[in-house]
C-alpha atoms as a PDB file:
ATOM      1  CA  MET A   1     -20.720  15.493 -34.429  1.00  0.00           C
ATOM      2  CA  SER A   2     -22.856  14.844 -31.367  1.00  0.00           C
ATOM      3  CA  GLY A   3     -21.045  12.758 -28.763  1.00  0.00           C
ATOM      4  CA  TYR A   4     -17.618  13.416 -30.283  1.00  0.00           C
ATOM      5  CA  THR A   5     -14.692  15.571 -29.216  1.00  0.00           C
ATOM      6  CA  CYS A   6     -12.949  17.739 -31.801  1.00  0.00           C
ATOM      7  CA  ILE A   7      -9.147  17.912 -31.676  1.00  0.00           C
ATOM      8  CA  ILE A   8      -7.483  20.683 -33.670  1.00  0.00           C
ATOM      9  CA  GLN A   9      -4.511  19.479 -35.734  1.00  0.00           C
ATOM     10  CA  THR A  10      -2.060  21.611 -37.697  1.00  0.00           C
ATOM     11  CA  GLN A  11      -1.256  20.498 -41.245  1.00  0.00           C
ATOM     12  CA  PRO A  12       2.165  20.882 -42.972  1.00  0.00           C
ATOM     13  CA  ASP A  13       0.852  23.822 -44.998  1.00  0.00           C
ATOM     14  CA  GLY A  14      -0.135  25.675 -41.834  1.00  0.00           C
ATOM     15  CA  SER A  15      -3.858  25.034 -42.084  1.00  0.00           C
ATOM     16  CA  THR A  16      -5.826  23.363 -39.314  1.00  0.00           C
ATOM     17  CA  ILE A  17      -8.412  20.632 -39.378  1.00  0.00           C
ATOM     18  CA  CYS A  18     -10.724  19.231 -36.748  1.00  0.00           C
ATOM     19  CA  GLU A  19     -10.374  15.500 -36.119  1.00  0.00           C
ATOM     20  CA  ASP A  20     -13.172  13.730 -34.295  1.00  0.00           C
ATOM     21  CA  VAL A  21     -12.330  11.554 -31.320  1.00  0.00           C
ATOM     22  CA  ALA A  22     -14.813   8.818 -30.507  1.00  0.00           C
ATOM     23  CA  PRO A  23     -16.454   8.841 -27.049  1.00  0.00           C
ATOM     24  CA  TYR A  24     -14.478   5.743 -26.033  1.00  0.00           C
ATOM     25  CA  GLU A  25     -11.156   7.375 -26.940  1.00  0.00           C
ATOM     26  CA  LYS A  26     -12.171  10.547 -25.111  1.00  0.00           C
ATOM     27  CA  ALA A  27     -12.996   8.464 -22.028  1.00  0.00           C
ATOM     28  CA  LEU A  28      -9.631   6.709 -22.275  1.00  0.00           C
ATOM     29  CA  MET A  29      -7.751  10.002 -22.415  1.00  0.00           C
ATOM     30  CA  GLU A  30      -9.728  11.494 -19.518  1.00  0.00           C
ATOM     31  CA  ALA A  31      -9.258   8.354 -17.417  1.00  0.00           C
ATOM     32  CA  THR A  32      -5.516   8.258 -18.082  1.00  0.00           C
ATOM     33  CA  VAL A  33      -5.036  11.916 -17.162  1.00  0.00           C
ATOM     34  CA  GLY A  34      -7.232  11.522 -14.079  1.00  0.00           C
ATOM     35  CA  GLN A  35      -5.260   8.483 -12.963  1.00  0.00           C
ATOM     36  CA  ALA A  36      -2.026  10.442 -13.403  1.00  0.00           C
ATOM     37  CA  VAL A  37      -3.380  13.170 -11.117  1.00  0.00           C
ATOM     38  CA  LEU A  38      -4.427  10.549  -8.549  1.00  0.00           C
ATOM     39  CA  PHE A  39      -1.014   8.894  -8.736  1.00  0.00           C
ATOM     40  CA  SER A  40       0.670  12.276  -8.201  1.00  0.00           C
ATOM     41  CA  LEU A  41      -1.358  12.946  -5.057  1.00  0.00           C
ATOM     42  CA  LEU A  42      -0.693   9.464  -3.691  1.00  0.00           C
ATOM     43  CA  PHE A  43       3.008   9.737  -4.474  1.00  0.00           C
ATOM     44  CA  SER A  44       3.142  12.977  -2.480  1.00  0.00           C
ATOM     45  CA  LEU A  45       1.513  11.169   0.444  1.00  0.00           C
ATOM     46  CA  LEU A  46       3.952   8.282   0.051  1.00  0.00           C
ATOM     47  CA  THR A  47       6.907  10.667   0.159  1.00  0.00           C
ATOM     48  CA  THR A  48       5.584  12.301   3.324  1.00  0.00           C
ATOM     49  CA  VAL A  49       5.092   8.952   5.066  1.00  0.00           C
ATOM     50  CA  MET A  50       8.531   7.809   3.928  1.00  0.00           C
ATOM     51  CA  VAL A  51      10.238  10.895   5.370  1.00  0.00           C
ATOM     52  CA  ILE A  52       8.449  10.552   8.720  1.00  0.00           C
ATOM     53  CA  THR A  53       9.202   6.821   8.894  1.00  0.00           C
ATOM     54  CA  VAL A  54      12.888   7.309   8.120  1.00  0.00           C
ATOM     55  CA  ARG A  55      13.124  10.028  10.761  1.00  0.00           C
ATOM     56  CA  SER A  56      11.508   7.722  13.327  1.00  0.00           C
ATOM     57  CA  LEU A  57      13.905   4.883  12.493  1.00  0.00           C
ATOM     58  CA  ILE A  58      16.961   7.139  12.501  1.00  0.00           C
ATOM     59  CA  ARG A  59      15.860   8.585  15.840  1.00  0.00           C
ATOM     60  CA  ASN A  60      16.268   5.069  17.217  1.00  0.00           C
ATOM     61  CA  ARG A  61      19.706   4.998  15.508  1.00  0.00           C
ATOM     62  CA  LEU A  62      18.915   1.740  13.673  1.00  0.00           C
ATOM     63  CA  ARG A  63      20.343  -0.225  16.576  1.00  0.00           C
ATOM     64  CA  THR A  64      18.971  -3.652  15.704  1.00  0.00           C
ATOM     65  CA  ARG A  65      19.327  -5.811  12.632  1.00  0.00           C
ATOM     66  CA  THR A  66      15.550  -5.755  12.220  1.00  0.00           C
ATOM     67  CA  GLU A  67      15.494  -1.961  12.072  1.00  0.00           C
ATOM     68  CA  ARG A  68      18.206  -1.944   9.420  1.00  0.00           C
ATOM     69  CA  MET A  69      16.416  -4.621   7.413  1.00  0.00           C
ATOM     70  CA  MET A  70      13.114  -2.740   7.528  1.00  0.00           C
ATOM     71  CA  PHE A  71      14.858   0.475   6.539  1.00  0.00           C
ATOM     72  CA  SER A  72      16.329  -1.311   3.505  1.00  0.00           C
ATOM     73  CA  LEU A  73      12.975  -2.826   2.500  1.00  0.00           C
ATOM     74  CA  LEU A  74      11.164   0.494   2.737  1.00  0.00           C
ATOM     75  CA  SER A  75      13.907   2.218   0.729  1.00  0.00           C
ATOM     76  CA  VAL A  76      13.589  -0.364  -2.047  1.00  0.00           C
ATOM     77  CA  MET A  77       9.799   0.002  -2.091  1.00  0.00           C
ATOM     78  CA  TYR A  78      10.015   3.783  -2.324  1.00  0.00           C
ATOM     79  CA  THR A  79      12.570   3.569  -5.140  1.00  0.00           C
ATOM     80  CA  ASN A  80      10.389   1.100  -7.048  1.00  0.00           C
ATOM     81  CA  THR A  81       7.326   3.308  -6.661  1.00  0.00           C
ATOM     82  CA  THR A  82       9.277   6.338  -7.876  1.00  0.00           C
ATOM     83  CA  ILE A  83      10.235   4.444 -11.037  1.00  0.00           C
ATOM     84  CA  MET A  84       6.632   3.278 -11.483  1.00  0.00           C
ATOM     85  CA  TYR A  85       5.452   6.867 -11.154  1.00  0.00           C
ATOM     86  CA  GLY A  86       7.878   7.911 -13.883  1.00  0.00           C
ATOM     87  CA  PHE A  87       6.662   5.092 -16.144  1.00  0.00           C
ATOM     88  CA  PHE A  88       3.056   6.141 -15.620  1.00  0.00           C
ATOM     89  CA  LEU A  89       3.730   9.804 -16.386  1.00  0.00           C
ATOM     90  CA  TYR A  90       5.553   8.843 -19.592  1.00  0.00           C
ATOM     91  CA  THR A  91       2.643   6.656 -20.676  1.00  0.00           C
ATOM     92  CA  THR A  92       0.187   9.447 -19.871  1.00  0.00           C
ATOM     93  CA  ARG A  93       2.207  11.786 -22.057  1.00  0.00           C
ATOM     94  CA  ARG A  94       2.061   9.244 -24.902  1.00  0.00           C
ATOM     95  CA  VAL A  95      -1.726   8.996 -24.590  1.00  0.00           C
ATOM     96  CA  VAL A  96      -2.247  12.763 -24.635  1.00  0.00           C
ATOM     97  CA  SER A  97       0.221  13.415 -27.459  1.00  0.00           C
ATOM     98  CA  SER A  98      -1.278  10.621 -29.596  1.00  0.00           C
ATOM     99  CA  ALA A  99      -4.575  12.509 -29.756  1.00  0.00           C
ATOM    100  CA  GLY A 100      -2.815  15.596 -31.070  1.00  0.00           C
ATOM    101  CA  HIS A 101      -0.907  13.700 -33.761  1.00  0.00           C
ATOM    102  CA  SER A 102      -3.405  11.214 -35.153  1.00  0.00           C
ATOM    103  CA  GLY A 103      -6.715  11.784 -33.399  1.00  0.00           C
ATOM    104  CA  SER A 104      -6.573   8.179 -32.173  1.00  0.00           C
ATOM    105  CA  VAL A 105      -5.971   7.958 -28.430  1.00  0.00           C
ATOM    106  CA  THR A 106      -3.515   5.188 -27.525  1.00  0.00           C
ATOM    107  CA  ALA A 107      -0.344   4.707 -25.538  1.00  0.00           C
ATOM    108  CA  ASP A 108       1.240   2.591 -28.277  1.00  0.00           C
ATOM    109  CA  GLY A 109       3.500   4.356 -30.752  1.00  0.00           C
ATOM    110  CA  GLU A 110       3.191   4.300 -34.500  1.00  0.00           C
ATOM    111  CA  SER A 111       6.543   2.558 -35.031  1.00  0.00           C
ATOM    112  CA  PRO A 112       7.535  -0.933 -33.779  1.00  0.00           C
ATOM    113  CA  ASP A 113      10.259   0.607 -31.610  1.00  0.00           C
ATOM    114  CA  GLN A 114       7.781   2.876 -29.859  1.00  0.00           C
ATOM    115  CA  SER A 115       5.371  -0.007 -29.285  1.00  0.00           C
ATOM    116  CA  TRP A 116       8.205  -2.118 -27.885  1.00  0.00           C
ATOM    117  CA  THR A 117       9.124   0.696 -25.477  1.00  0.00           C
ATOM    118  CA  ILE A 118       5.578   1.027 -24.165  1.00  0.00           C
ATOM    119  CA  ASN A 119       5.213  -2.746 -23.759  1.00  0.00           C
ATOM    120  CA  SER A 120       8.502  -2.823 -21.851  1.00  0.00           C
ATOM    121  CA  LEU A 121       7.250  -0.080 -19.540  1.00  0.00           C
ATOM    122  CA  ARG A 122       4.047  -2.020 -18.920  1.00  0.00           C
ATOM    123  CA  ALA A 123       5.998  -5.149 -18.030  1.00  0.00           C
ATOM    124  CA  GLY A 124       8.425  -3.165 -15.871  1.00  0.00           C
ATOM    125  CA  PHE A 125       5.575  -1.460 -14.021  1.00  0.00           C
ATOM    126  CA  PHE A 126       3.963  -4.808 -13.237  1.00  0.00           C
ATOM    127  CA  ILE A 127       7.249  -6.386 -12.076  1.00  0.00           C
ATOM    128  CA  LEU A 128       8.002  -3.458  -9.759  1.00  0.00           C
ATOM    129  CA  PHE A 129       4.463  -3.646  -8.386  1.00  0.00           C
ATOM    130  CA  ALA A 130       4.968  -7.369  -7.750  1.00  0.00           C
ATOM    131  CA  ILE A 131       8.236  -6.707  -5.895  1.00  0.00           C
ATOM    132  CA  ASN A 132       6.590  -4.037  -3.753  1.00  0.00           C
ATOM    133  CA  THR A 133       3.722  -6.372  -2.931  1.00  0.00           C
ATOM    134  CA  VAL A 134       6.058  -9.163  -1.810  1.00  0.00           C
ATOM    135  CA  LEU A 135       8.167  -6.780   0.302  1.00  0.00           C
ATOM    136  CA  GLY A 136       5.037  -5.251   1.829  1.00  0.00           C
ATOM    137  CA  ASP A 137       3.761  -8.710   2.737  1.00  0.00           C
ATOM    138  CA  VAL A 138       7.127  -9.451   4.371  1.00  0.00           C
ATOM    139  CA  VAL A 139       6.743  -6.377   6.598  1.00  0.00           C
ATOM    140  CA  LEU A 140       3.161  -7.332   7.435  1.00  0.00           C
ATOM    141  CA  LEU A 141       4.023 -10.937   8.307  1.00  0.00           C
ATOM    142  CA  HIS A 142       7.067  -9.904  10.321  1.00  0.00           C
ATOM    143  CA  ARG A 143       4.977  -7.524  12.409  1.00  0.00           C
ATOM    144  CA  THR A 144       2.430 -10.278  13.050  1.00  0.00           C
ATOM    145  CA  TRP A 145       5.230 -12.682  13.992  1.00  0.00           C
ATOM    146  CA  VAL A 146       6.710 -10.156  16.441  1.00  0.00           C
ATOM    147  CA  ILE A 147       3.360  -9.429  18.084  1.00  0.00           C
ATOM    148  CA  TRP A 148       2.824 -13.151  18.612  1.00  0.00           C
ATOM    149  CA  SER A 149       6.372 -13.569  19.975  1.00  0.00           C
ATOM    150  CA  GLY A 150       7.409 -15.963  17.235  1.00  0.00           C
ATOM    151  CA  ARG A 151       4.815 -18.671  17.914  1.00  0.00           C
ATOM    152  CA  ARG A 152       5.415 -21.776  15.811  1.00  0.00           C
ATOM    153  CA  VAL A 153       1.906 -21.889  14.387  1.00  0.00           C
ATOM    154  CA  VAL A 154       2.084 -18.235  13.396  1.00  0.00           C
ATOM    155  CA  SER A 155       5.524 -18.760  11.868  1.00  0.00           C
ATOM    156  CA  ALA A 156       4.403 -21.809   9.879  1.00  0.00           C
ATOM    157  CA  ILE A 157       1.306 -20.131   8.455  1.00  0.00           C
ATOM    158  CA  SER A 158       3.267 -16.979   7.628  1.00  0.00           C
ATOM    159  CA  ILE A 159       5.989 -18.910   5.785  1.00  0.00           C
ATOM    160  CA  ILE A 160       3.448 -20.871   3.730  1.00  0.00           C
ATOM    161  CA  LEU A 161       1.569 -17.716   2.740  1.00  0.00           C
ATOM    162  CA  LEU A 162       4.791 -15.876   1.903  1.00  0.00           C
ATOM    163  CA  LEU A 163       5.977 -18.708  -0.348  1.00  0.00           C
ATOM    164  CA  ALA A 164       2.592 -18.693  -2.091  1.00  0.00           C
ATOM    165  CA  VAL A 165       2.870 -14.933  -2.652  1.00  0.00           C
ATOM    166  CA  ILE A 166       6.375 -15.201  -4.114  1.00  0.00           C
ATOM    167  CA  VAL A 167       5.481 -18.068  -6.458  1.00  0.00           C
ATOM    168  CA  THR A 168       2.220 -16.544  -7.724  1.00  0.00           C
ATOM    169  CA  TRP A 169       3.682 -13.083  -8.354  1.00  0.00           C
ATOM    170  CA  ILE A 170       6.604 -14.602 -10.253  1.00  0.00           C
ATOM    171  CA  TYR A 171       4.127 -16.596 -12.334  1.00  0.00           C
ATOM    172  CA  ALA A 172       1.974 -13.499 -12.889  1.00  0.00           C
ATOM    173  CA  SER A 173       4.999 -11.546 -14.113  1.00  0.00           C
ATOM    174  CA  ILE A 174       6.048 -14.316 -16.505  1.00  0.00           C
ATOM    175  CA  SER A 175       2.531 -14.974 -17.817  1.00  0.00           C
ATOM    176  CA  ASN A 176       1.963 -11.370 -18.918  1.00  0.00           C
ATOM    177  CA  GLY A 177       0.060 -10.219 -15.863  1.00  0.00           C
ATOM    178  CA  ALA A 178      -2.269 -12.940 -14.566  1.00  0.00           C
ATOM    179  CA  LEU A 179      -3.223 -10.521 -11.819  1.00  0.00           C
ATOM    180  CA  PHE A 180      -6.101 -12.490 -10.309  1.00  0.00           C
ATOM    181  CA  ILE A 181      -3.806 -15.453  -9.538  1.00  0.00           C
ATOM    182  CA  SER A 182      -1.377 -13.430  -7.460  1.00  0.00           C
ATOM    183  CA  ILE A 183      -3.989 -11.319  -5.672  1.00  0.00           C
ATOM    184  CA  VAL A 184      -5.415 -14.304  -3.777  1.00  0.00           C
ATOM    185  CA  PRO A 185      -2.391 -15.026  -1.518  1.00  0.00           C
ATOM    186  CA  SER A 186      -1.753 -11.310  -0.974  1.00  0.00           C
ATOM    187  CA  ALA A 187      -5.351 -10.844   0.142  1.00  0.00           C
ATOM    188  CA  ALA A 188      -4.976 -13.958   2.316  1.00  0.00           C
ATOM    189  CA  ILE A 189      -1.880 -12.504   4.013  1.00  0.00           C
ATOM    190  CA  SER A 190      -3.671  -9.242   4.744  1.00  0.00           C
ATOM    191  CA  THR A 191      -6.658 -11.141   6.148  1.00  0.00           C
ATOM    192  CA  TRP A 192      -4.455 -13.459   8.215  1.00  0.00           C
ATOM    193  CA  ALA A 193      -2.301 -10.662   9.654  1.00  0.00           C
ATOM    194  CA  THR A 194      -5.305  -8.486  10.491  1.00  0.00           C
ATOM    195  CA  GLY A 195      -7.125 -11.374  12.159  1.00  0.00           C
ATOM    196  CA  ALA A 196      -4.065 -12.424  14.165  1.00  0.00           C
ATOM    197  CA  ILE A 197      -3.433  -8.873  15.388  1.00  0.00           C
ATOM    198  CA  ALA A 198      -7.119  -8.407  16.248  1.00  0.00           C
ATOM    199  CA  TYR A 199      -7.121 -11.628  18.276  1.00  0.00           C
ATOM    200  CA  LYS A 200      -3.976 -10.570  20.131  1.00  0.00           C
ATOM    201  CA  SER A 201      -5.622  -7.232  20.914  1.00  0.00           C
ATOM    202  CA  PHE A 202      -8.661  -9.065  22.308  1.00  0.00           C
ATOM    203  CA  GLN A 203      -6.425 -11.341  24.383  1.00  0.00           C
ATOM    204  CA  HIS A 204      -4.541  -8.407  25.854  1.00  0.00           C
ATOM    205  CA  TRP A 205      -7.736  -6.562  26.717  1.00  0.00           C
ATOM    206  CA  SER A 206      -9.223  -9.656  28.382  1.00  0.00           C
ATOM    207  CA  LEU A 207      -6.045 -10.140  30.427  1.00  0.00           C
ATOM    208  CA  ARG A 208      -6.139  -6.573  31.695  1.00  0.00           C
ATOM    209  CA  ARG A 209      -9.823  -6.903  32.545  1.00  0.00           C
ATOM    210  CA  ALA A 210      -8.992  -9.972  34.604  1.00  0.00           C
ATOM    211  CA  GLN A 211      -6.179  -8.203  36.462  1.00  0.00           C
ATOM    212  CA  VAL A 212      -7.981  -4.906  37.051  1.00  0.00           C
ATOM    213  CA  ALA A 213     -11.686  -4.789  37.789  1.00  0.00           C
ATOM    214  CA  ILE A 214     -12.167  -1.430  36.071  1.00  0.00           C
ATOM    215  CA  VAL A 215      -9.983  -0.472  33.113  1.00  0.00           C
ATOM    216  CA  SER A 216     -10.281   3.285  32.740  1.00  0.00           C
ATOM    217  CA  ARG A 217      -8.437   3.687  29.440  1.00  0.00           C
ATOM    218  CA  ARG A 218      -6.628   1.778  26.743  1.00  0.00           C
ATOM    219  CA  SER A 219      -2.941   1.168  27.130  1.00  0.00           C
ATOM    220  CA  ARG A 220      -0.608   2.389  24.409  1.00  0.00           C
ATOM    221  CA  LEU A 221      -0.176  -1.168  23.142  1.00  0.00           C
ATOM    222  CA  GLU A 222      -3.932  -1.675  22.877  1.00  0.00           C
ATOM    223  CA  SER A 223      -4.332   1.580  20.983  1.00  0.00           C
ATOM    224  CA  ILE A 224      -1.645   0.560  18.494  1.00  0.00           C
ATOM    225  CA  LEU A 225      -3.152  -2.907  18.057  1.00  0.00           C
ATOM    226  CA  HIS A 226      -6.586  -1.404  17.418  1.00  0.00           C
ATOM    227  CA  ILE A 227      -5.158   0.991  14.834  1.00  0.00           C
ATOM    228  CA  LEU A 228      -3.342  -1.871  13.104  1.00  0.00           C
ATOM    229  CA  THR A 229      -6.546  -3.910  13.084  1.00  0.00           C
ATOM    230  CA  ASP A 230      -8.724  -1.133  11.646  1.00  0.00           C
ATOM    231  CA  SER A 231      -6.200  -0.150   8.978  1.00  0.00           C
ATOM    232  CA  GLY A 232      -5.617  -3.813   8.146  1.00  0.00           C
ATOM    233  CA  MET A 233      -9.330  -4.266   7.490  1.00  0.00           C
ATOM    234  CA  VAL A 234      -9.304  -1.385   4.996  1.00  0.00           C
ATOM    235  CA  TYR A 235      -6.186  -2.783   3.313  1.00  0.00           C
ATOM    236  CA  THR A 236      -7.813  -6.226   3.080  1.00  0.00           C
ATOM    237  CA  ILE A 237     -10.997  -4.779   1.583  1.00  0.00           C
ATOM    238  CA  LEU A 238      -8.969  -3.072  -1.150  1.00  0.00           C
ATOM    239  CA  TRP A 239      -7.331  -6.380  -2.072  1.00  0.00           C
ATOM    240  CA  VAL A 240     -10.685  -8.175  -2.098  1.00  0.00           C
ATOM    241  CA  VAL A 241     -12.250  -5.510  -4.336  1.00  0.00           C
ATOM    242  CA  LEU A 242      -9.263  -5.688  -6.691  1.00  0.00           C
ATOM    243  CA  LEU A 243      -9.640  -9.472  -6.796  1.00  0.00           C
ATOM    244  CA  GLY A 244     -13.341  -9.169  -7.576  1.00  0.00           C
ATOM    245  CA  LEU A 245     -12.722  -6.751 -10.440  1.00  0.00           C
ATOM    246  CA  SER A 246      -9.884  -8.847 -11.847  1.00  0.00           C
ATOM    247  CA  VAL A 247     -12.083 -11.963 -12.167  1.00  0.00           C
ATOM    248  CA  HIS A 248     -15.377 -10.269 -13.076  1.00  0.00           C
ATOM    249  CA  PRO A 249     -15.940 -10.577 -16.845  1.00  0.00           C
ATOM    250  CA  GLU A 250     -17.536  -7.121 -17.100  1.00  0.00           C
ATOM    251  CA  TYR A 251     -14.578  -5.264 -15.605  1.00  0.00           C
ATOM    252  CA  ARG A 252     -11.739  -7.629 -16.326  1.00  0.00           C
ATOM    253  CA  THR A 253      -9.113  -6.349 -18.757  1.00  0.00           C
ATOM    254  CA  SER A 254      -7.738  -8.506 -21.528  1.00  0.00           C
ATOM    255  CA  SER A 255      -4.337  -8.929 -19.890  1.00  0.00           C
ATOM    256  CA  ASN A 256      -5.125  -7.794 -16.338  1.00  0.00           C
ATOM    257  CA  THR A 257      -2.261  -5.330 -16.410  1.00  0.00           C
ATOM    258  CA  VAL A 258      -2.181  -1.553 -16.085  1.00  0.00           C
ATOM    259  CA  TYR A 259      -2.475   0.598 -19.191  1.00  0.00           C
ATOM    260  CA  ASP A 260      -4.980  -1.767 -20.809  1.00  0.00           C
ATOM    261  CA  ASP A 261      -6.747   0.049 -23.647  1.00  0.00           C
ATOM    262  CA  SER A 262     -10.147  -1.645 -23.362  1.00  0.00           C
ATOM    263  CA  SER A 263     -12.953   0.489 -21.986  1.00  0.00           C
ATOM    264  CA  SER A 264     -13.985  -2.289 -19.579  1.00  0.00           C
ATOM    265  CA  GLY A 265     -10.605  -1.873 -17.909  1.00  0.00           C
ATOM    266  CA  PHE A 266     -11.285   1.647 -16.595  1.00  0.00           C
ATOM    267  CA  PRO A 267     -12.616   0.621 -13.120  1.00  0.00           C
ATOM    268  CA  ILE A 268      -9.792  -1.788 -12.440  1.00  0.00           C
ATOM    269  CA  GLY A 269      -7.314   0.725 -13.856  1.00  0.00           C
ATOM    270  CA  TRP A 270      -8.243   3.279 -11.189  1.00  0.00           C
ATOM    271  CA  LEU A 271      -7.936   0.694  -8.429  1.00  0.00           C
ATOM    272  CA  GLN A 272      -4.584  -0.502  -9.765  1.00  0.00           C
ATOM    273  CA  VAL A 273      -3.246   3.041  -9.597  1.00  0.00           C
ATOM    274  CA  LEU A 274      -4.558   3.326  -6.038  1.00  0.00           C
ATOM    275  CA  MET A 275      -2.956   0.030  -5.017  1.00  0.00           C
ATOM    276  CA  SER A 276       0.330   0.989  -6.682  1.00  0.00           C
ATOM    277  CA  ALA A 277       0.731   3.634  -3.977  1.00  0.00           C
ATOM    278  CA  VAL A 278      -1.161   1.985  -1.108  1.00  0.00           C
ATOM    279  CA  VAL A 279       0.974  -1.184  -1.232  1.00  0.00           C
ATOM    280  CA  PRO A 280       4.158   0.700  -0.206  1.00  0.00           C
ATOM    281  CA  ILE A 281       2.352   3.285   1.955  1.00  0.00           C
ATOM    282  CA  TYR A 282       0.728   0.750   4.295  1.00  0.00           C
ATOM    283  CA  PRO A 283       3.892  -1.066   5.498  1.00  0.00           C
ATOM    284  CA  MET A 284       5.699   2.280   5.782  1.00  0.00           C
ATOM    285  CA  TRP A 285       2.854   3.592   7.908  1.00  0.00           C
ATOM    286  CA  ILE A 286       3.054   0.499  10.136  1.00  0.00           C
ATOM    287  CA  MET A 287       6.774   1.036  10.685  1.00  0.00           C
ATOM    288  CA  MET A 288       6.173   4.742  11.366  1.00  0.00           C
ATOM    289  CA  LEU A 289       3.555   3.855  13.983  1.00  0.00           C
ATOM    290  CA  VAL A 290       5.728   1.224  15.649  1.00  0.00           C
ATOM    291  CA  ALA A 291       8.918   3.288  15.604  1.00  0.00           C
ATOM    292  CA  GLY A 292       7.047   6.248  17.064  1.00  0.00           C
ATOM    293  CA  SER A 293       5.760   4.108  19.943  1.00  0.00           C
ATOM    294  CA  ARG A 294       9.292   3.550  21.208  1.00  0.00           C
ATOM    295  CA  LYS A 295       9.961   7.141  22.210  1.00  0.00           C
ATOM    296  CA  GLU A 296      10.268   7.706  25.921  1.00  0.00           C
ATOM    297  CA  GLU A 297       7.151   8.529  27.914  1.00  0.00           C
ATOM    298  CA  PRO A 298       7.224  11.120  30.693  1.00  0.00           C
ATOM    299  CA  VAL A 299       7.321   9.534  34.126  1.00  0.00           C
ATOM    300  CA  VAL A 300       4.082  10.032  36.041  1.00  0.00           C
ATOM    301  CA  THR A 301       4.801  11.690  39.371  1.00  0.00           C
ATOM    302  CA  PRO A 302       2.333  12.667  42.080  1.00  0.00           C
ATOM    303  CA  ASP A 303       1.348  16.292  42.551  1.00  0.00           C
ATOM    304  CA  LEU A 304       2.608  17.134  46.046  1.00  0.00           C
ATOM    305  CA  GLY A 305       0.027  19.886  46.395  1.00  0.00           C
ATOM    306  CA  THR A 306      -2.863  17.553  45.725  1.00  0.00           C
ATOM    307  CA  VAL A 307      -4.377  15.014  48.048  1.00  0.00           C
ATOM    308  CA  TYR A 308      -4.605  11.692  46.238  1.00  0.00           C
ATOM    309  CA  GLN A 309      -5.277   8.073  47.026  1.00  0.00           C
ATOM    310  CA  PRO A 310      -1.987   6.127  46.936  1.00  0.00           C
ATOM    311  CA  SER A 311      -3.673   3.025  45.613  1.00  0.00           C
ATOM    312  CA  THR A 312      -5.150   4.940  42.669  1.00  0.00           C
ATOM    313  CA  PHE A 313      -1.842   6.581  41.809  1.00  0.00           C
ATOM    314  CA  ASP A 314       0.064   3.325  42.127  1.00  0.00           C
ATOM    315  CA  MET A 315      -2.403   1.666  39.771  1.00  0.00           C
ATOM    316  CA  ARG A 316      -1.977   4.408  37.150  1.00  0.00           C
ATOM    317  CA  LEU A 317       1.811   4.382  37.515  1.00  0.00           C
ATOM    318  CA  ARG A 318       1.946   0.614  37.163  1.00  0.00           C
ATOM    319  CA  GLU A 319      -0.382   0.759  34.155  1.00  0.00           C
ATOM    320  CA  THR A 320       1.836   3.344  32.448  1.00  0.00           C
ATOM    321  CA  GLN A 321       5.041   1.417  33.145  1.00  0.00           C
ATOM    322  CA  THR A 322       3.473  -1.861  32.012  1.00  0.00           C
ATOM    323  CA  SER A 323       2.191  -0.269  28.810  1.00  0.00           C
ATOM    324  CA  LYS A 324       5.648   1.102  28.083  1.00  0.00           C
ATOM    325  CA  GLU A 325       7.335  -2.262  28.666  1.00  0.00           C
ATOM    326  CA  GLU A 326       4.772  -4.100  26.538  1.00  0.00           C
ATOM    327  CA  CYS A 327       5.279  -1.696  23.631  1.00  0.00           C
ATOM    328  CA  HIS A 328       9.018  -2.347  23.721  1.00  0.00           C
ATOM    329  CA  GLU A 329       8.542  -6.119  23.957  1.00  0.00           C
ATOM    330  CA  LEU A 330       5.679  -6.684  21.513  1.00  0.00           C
ATOM    331  CA  LEU A 331       6.306  -3.822  19.080  1.00  0.00           C
ATOM    332  CA  PRO A 332      10.057  -3.518  18.616  1.00  0.00           C
ATOM    333  CA  ALA A 333      11.004  -1.467  15.606  1.00  0.00           C
END
């Protein structure tokens, strides 16, 4: 009995027996339940970010076509993630209930119809994840394109990467989840967007240093660009780690899809659950940050009771006004 978990089962005559569950099956059940808890926490965070982002966009009254398009994309991503969350909870319930019925932990049902249902949910989960990834990459590339004022080189590279993402995710969905194939262009987009934004931030800082001998503080635009760069690096690292696990023979699952029942799939399973929520959260967070930057700043006025140097005040006033104009030009919602 050592190393085994005992599950109490009730027999038709009312008696109970203790069925042993192998350590692997116990680990599968614990991992599935733990991933469901993680998904629940991340979905709560996603909902919070979604509400704040929608409020920020509505505050601007969705004046432009871009704002309306982004609002539509984020709404689709949130809806997809909600459906994915429901699929995952149903599968978790199947795993837990299977232990109580047969002592064998699995998401697949005993009848062909039940197995077909679970397989359909797996495929649906992967397709919705693919759609969210493509839409998230669209938001990321659009923000990079806006920051670079629609430069031709930036546009060309972005279009090529976006086409690669669309083609590879379609292929991954058709080929029963060839996850490692589709991760490469998505990781490339994250790397490209983060690098382009970081370079623009460096350019802007260098320009201000050239215009003003001493720069006392970051402008609002620089702060936003730095935040986008730092968060983009974290997002890129997650994609790279997921790529490494998907191609590593020790951690790679048999089909590279979620809900794989092989014990070697546990590490990648946790990361897939994390990415299922992070993929929609990150572009929503970007839009929340950008939309929030458009609110009006208080006008800096001199304190009449304080003696001040006009040149110093004029420099601060000009810096504030310039920062405000740059945010509206380079970071339109």
